[in-house]
């Protein structure tokens, strides 16, 4: 499995680049959207934080729902672990939304930071395997990834 550079806290927030490409276009597109929604959530002033969180929730539901369908429809062997991780993130997001609606901003800020630290490992390990599986199922081979120099 190819190593994807994971930014550390000292390097700053996630920024989309070709280094994040996994080689399955629909998944790469979802990941690019995820990074954009996360940036919006992390930068949102308190007064628009509920709007930014709702946008992230909408994205996560669509993103994870699509991946979960791909795994189910293609009989992806290690799907249960992947599906369970998606469900855990969605449960956390729902809890954070409930707290935010009660005026508690800090759990939302911590959730956004947690997503920033969670995503690289999830993409590198679980989504990379799914990208390989989907390319093999649809195209008969492993993904080919062309990256521009950063």
Protein backbone atom coordinates (compact mmCIF):
# COMPACT_ATOMS: atom_id res chain seq x y z
CA UNK A 1 0.00 0.00 0.00
CA UNK A 2 1.32 3.42 -0.94
CA UNK A 3 2.23 5.86 1.81
CA UNK A 4 0.22 9.08 1.85
CA UNK A 5 1.92 11.91 3.73
CA UNK A 6 -0.06 12.80 6.82
CA UNK A 7 0.26 16.40 8.01
CA UNK A 8 1.13 16.78 11.66
CA UNK A 9 -0.36 19.41 13.93
CA UNK A 10 2.79 21.50 13.44
CA UNK A 11 2.23 21.49 9.68
CA UNK A 12 -1.26 22.95 9.94
CA UNK A 13 -4.71 21.91 8.76
CA UNK A 14 -5.49 19.49 5.97
CA UNK A 15 -5.17 21.04 2.55
CA UNK A 16 -6.26 19.21 -0.59
CA UNK A 17 -3.46 18.18 -2.89
CA UNK A 18 -2.75 15.39 -5.33
CA UNK A 19 -1.00 13.56 -2.49
CA UNK A 20 -4.47 12.61 -1.24
CA UNK A 21 -5.48 10.89 -4.50
CA UNK A 22 -6.28 7.18 -4.20
CA UNK A 23 -7.01 6.49 -7.86
CA UNK A 24 -10.77 5.93 -7.77
CA UNK A 25 -12.31 9.13 -9.11
CA UNK A 26 -15.64 9.13 -7.23
CA UNK A 27 -13.85 8.52 -3.93
CA UNK A 28 -11.16 11.11 -4.65
CA UNK A 29 -13.91 13.63 -5.41
CA UNK A 30 -15.65 12.88 -2.09
CA UNK A 31 -12.35 13.29 -0.25
CA UNK A 32 -11.73 16.65 -1.89
CA UNK A 33 -15.21 17.73 -0.78
CA UNK A 34 -14.50 16.46 2.74
CA UNK A 35 -11.35 18.55 3.03
CA UNK A 36 -13.26 21.64 1.82
CA UNK A 37 -16.14 21.09 4.29
CA UNK A 38 -13.67 20.52 7.12
CA UNK A 39 -11.87 23.75 6.29
CA UNK A 40 -15.19 25.63 6.33
CA UNK A 41 -16.12 24.05 9.66
CA UNK A 42 -12.80 24.87 11.28
CA UNK A 43 -12.85 28.47 10.04
CA UNK A 44 -16.51 29.18 10.79
CA UNK A 45 -17.19 31.94 13.32
CA UNK A 46 -19.37 30.84 16.24
CA UNK A 47 -22.51 32.46 14.80
CA UNK A 48 -22.38 30.37 11.61
CA UNK A 49 -20.97 27.21 13.17
CA UNK A 50 -24.38 25.44 13.09
CA UNK A 51 -24.61 26.05 9.33
CA UNK A 52 -21.06 24.76 8.77
CA UNK A 53 -21.70 21.69 10.94
CA UNK A 54 -24.93 20.94 9.07
CA UNK A 55 -23.01 21.17 5.77
CA UNK A 56 -20.40 18.75 7.15
CA UNK A 57 -23.12 16.37 8.36
CA UNK A 58 -24.83 16.46 4.98
CA UNK A 59 -21.49 15.71 3.33
CA UNK A 60 -20.62 12.88 5.76
CA UNK A 61 -24.01 11.21 5.28
CA UNK A 62 -23.67 11.32 1.48
CA UNK A 63 -19.97 10.38 1.50
CA UNK A 64 -20.30 7.47 3.91
CA UNK A 65 -23.58 6.34 2.40
CA UNK A 66 -21.99 6.13 -1.02
CA UNK A 67 -18.96 4.20 0.26
CA UNK A 68 -21.18 1.87 2.28
CA UNK A 69 -23.27 1.15 -0.86
CA UNK A 70 -20.14 0.44 -2.93
CA UNK A 71 -18.89 -1.97 -0.30
CA UNK A 72 -22.24 -3.76 -0.01
CA UNK A 73 -22.92 -3.95 -3.76
CA UNK A 74 -19.39 -5.17 -4.57
CA UNK A 75 -19.15 -7.58 -1.60
CA UNK A 76 -16.02 -5.83 -0.30
CA UNK A 77 -14.63 -8.40 2.16
CA UNK A 78 -13.54 -6.17 5.10
CA UNK A 79 -16.56 -3.89 4.85
CA UNK A 80 -17.96 -4.28 8.38
CA UNK A 81 -15.02 -2.52 10.06
CA UNK A 82 -15.25 0.29 7.52
CA UNK A 83 -19.03 0.65 7.88
CA UNK A 84 -18.73 0.59 11.68
CA UNK A 85 -16.18 3.41 11.60
CA UNK A 86 -18.48 5.51 9.42
CA UNK A 87 -21.36 4.89 11.83
CA UNK A 88 -19.23 5.93 14.81
CA UNK A 89 -18.29 9.22 13.15
CA UNK A 90 -21.94 9.92 12.29
CA UNK A 91 -23.01 9.18 15.89
CA UNK A 92 -20.37 11.60 17.17
CA UNK A 93 -21.47 14.24 14.67
CA UNK A 94 -25.10 13.90 15.81
CA UNK A 95 -24.08 14.26 19.46
CA UNK A 96 -22.00 17.33 18.67
CA UNK A 97 -24.88 18.86 16.71
CA UNK A 98 -27.20 18.37 19.67
CA UNK A 99 -24.70 20.08 22.00
CA UNK A 100 -24.15 22.91 19.52
CA UNK A 101 -27.90 23.54 19.33
CA UNK A 102 -27.80 23.93 23.12
CA UNK A 103 -25.15 26.63 22.72
CA UNK A 104 -22.08 24.51 23.44
CA UNK A 105 -19.51 25.56 20.82
CA UNK A 106 -16.38 23.85 22.17
CA UNK A 107 -17.46 20.24 21.45
CA UNK A 108 -17.96 21.24 17.80
CA UNK A 109 -14.47 22.75 17.65
CA UNK A 110 -13.00 19.59 19.17
CA UNK A 111 -14.99 17.43 16.74
CA UNK A 112 -13.60 19.35 13.76
CA UNK A 113 -10.06 18.89 15.08
CA UNK A 114 -10.75 15.19 15.68
CA UNK A 115 -11.94 14.81 12.07
CA UNK A 116 -8.72 16.45 10.89
CA UNK A 117 -6.67 13.85 12.78
CA UNK A 118 -8.97 10.93 11.93
CA UNK A 119 -9.21 11.42 8.17
CA UNK A 120 -5.60 10.71 7.11
CA UNK A 121 -5.51 7.28 8.75
CA UNK A 122 -8.98 6.40 7.51
CA UNK A 123 -8.10 7.41 3.95
CA UNK A 124 -4.68 5.75 4.00
CA UNK A 125 -5.85 2.41 5.33
CA UNK A 126 -9.55 1.81 4.83
CA UNK A 127 -10.35 4.00 1.82
CA UNK A 128 -7.17 3.06 -0.02
CA UNK A 129 -8.15 -0.61 0.16
CA UNK A 130 -11.64 0.28 -1.06
CA UNK A 131 -10.21 2.31 -3.97
CA UNK A 132 -8.09 -0.68 -5.03
CA UNK A 133 -11.09 -3.00 -4.75
CA UNK A 134 -13.37 -0.73 -6.77
CA UNK A 135 -10.79 -0.20 -9.53
CA UNK A 136 -10.23 -3.93 -9.80
CA UNK A 137 -13.98 -4.62 -9.86
CA UNK A 138 -14.79 -1.91 -12.43
CA UNK A 139 -11.59 -1.70 -14.47
CA UNK A 140 -9.86 -5.03 -13.91
CA UNK A 141 -6.72 -3.67 -12.24
CA UNK A 142 -5.15 -1.57 -9.54
CA UNK A 143 -5.63 2.21 -9.61
CA UNK A 144 -3.13 4.36 -11.42
CA UNK A 145 -2.51 7.68 -9.71
CA UNK A 146 -0.82 10.58 -11.47
CA UNK A 147 0.16 13.35 -9.11
CA UNK A 148 1.40 16.82 -9.81
CA UNK A 149 4.39 17.89 -7.80
CA UNK A 150 3.40 19.79 -4.70
